[in-house]
Amino acid sequence: MRLAAIIPWEEIETEYKKYFSKRIGRTAKPVRLALGSLLIKEKLHITDEETVETIRENPYLQYLLGYESYKDEKPFDPSMMVHFRKRLGPDAIAKINELVAKRYQETVEAESGEKKKNQKHHDANEQGNQGRLIIDATCAPQDIRHPHDVTLLDEARRKTEKIIDTLYAASDLTIKPRTYRKQARNKYLNFIRGRRRTKKEIRRALRTQLQYVRRNLRTIKELQNKVPSTTLSTKQRHDLIVIHEVYRQQLQMYKAKTHSIPGKIVSISQPHVRPIARGKARAAFEFGAKISASMTEHGMIYIDRLQWEPYNEQEDLPVQIEKYKQRFGRYPESVHADKIYRTRENRAYCEARGIRLSGPPLGRPIKETAENKKLLRQLRKIQRIDEAIRQAIEGGFGNMKRKFSLGTIYEKLQKTSETAIMVCVFLTNCEKILRDLFMHFLFLLGFKPYKSALKAVV
């Protein structure tokens, strides 16, 4: 009930109606039902089918979805959850997140009197910088099998064999084209079961699977000339296009004796997924979307960039600072970022706008003497405080990956996966607002332990 109260449903509904026709088709589900269902799924960390059944038996969840009274019936078919993610999309969820987070921050600033202080500070300082901006990047891993070149080619071979079966059944041929599927499968299993595989064995297995895939693709091309174009299903046609690209990439890497190539496909069912170099102790690479996020001093998180191709996050710092200015009408007083953001270009950009970038200065460390000992101690203290402030966004990422589905995205399509990521961020901000309201309520009741925490928030 409190969550329903902080979301401006009427404004969202006005924007949502623009995507529908008034004359064609059935009446669309209201946006409160669509968005609320996605929030329930992420909050409870359940499947689409379990979400529908949970809504059916819970009156509080039905209140969140806008029901006037309890109904012991399924609100919709579970397959509608996919349409909700497609219809809303990541852009719409991002706009809703911007609206709710910005309103909350403005409310907190108004209650704490920061607006008056900002006006005085603006009169004294020409730039009027105020507030803190915390930025970082992370990866949202997809639910895919750990990629291996030989395994990927084996999957491509098996899919092409099924396509050949479909085309042969629709043709008038009396002799089925050879695929050597049993022999190919046995060779793959003998290779993959080995514990320690040498480079020579890996190249031999790659060459063998490439030959089988090449033969199957040639056979498919011959069969397609003899059957109607509608013989294959939409998914089979899509898989065939992806397999052609996989074969081209794997053949190019085999000839160049390398394992990397721009735009490398690691999953046939999800060809948009790319390997993202993270350099973590657990895994050097993660497979999913890379996101650049920013957090304000009041704990609101915004997604400034979501991309499947790998990129260097240090180039996002100017863009994130400009977006902060668009949201709040001023530049931040300080930016707290990781070491990778502290380049000469970013430092010059911040210095030109009166923004303090966290971290030690470039160059050789200053030698400690009796004269500057006190000054260096103060600088080290500031650096420790800056690093402690920067950890807030790390905690936000950890919260979304542990409590919600950002740790493993189970949606298959690119758009639905992006929508799920945005819903995780939006729900995280909503929970932060609800926690702050609860702390404020306890403080009004006289619970002193929450007084210091309240001051840190407002």
Foldseek 3Di string as FASTA:
>chain_A
DVLLVLAPQVVLQVVLCVVDDPPDDDDDQGLQQLLLLLLQCFQVVDALVVSQQVCLPDVVSVVSSPDPGHHNDGPDDSVCNLVSLVSCFLVNLQVSLLVSLLVVVVVVCVVVVVVVVLVVQVVVDVQSAAFEKFKDKDFQFAPDDDFDLLVQLLVLLVLLVVLQVLLVVQFPDPDRDDQCNVVLVVLSVVLVPDPDDDPVSSLVSLVSSLVSNVVSLVSSVVSPVGGDPPSDDPLSVLLNVLSVVSSVVSVVCSVVVHDDDFQHARDSLFRLWDWEQDCDPVDRTGIGKMWMWMATLLGAIHTQDIGRGYDQCLVCVVVVQVVVCVSPVHGHQEYQYDPSNPDPVNVVVCVVSNYHYADDDDDDDDDDDPVCPVVVVVNVVSNVVSVVSNCSVVVVVVCLLVSGSSNYQHDRYPRSSSSSVSSSSSSSNSVSVVVLVVLVVVVVVPDVVSPVVNVSND
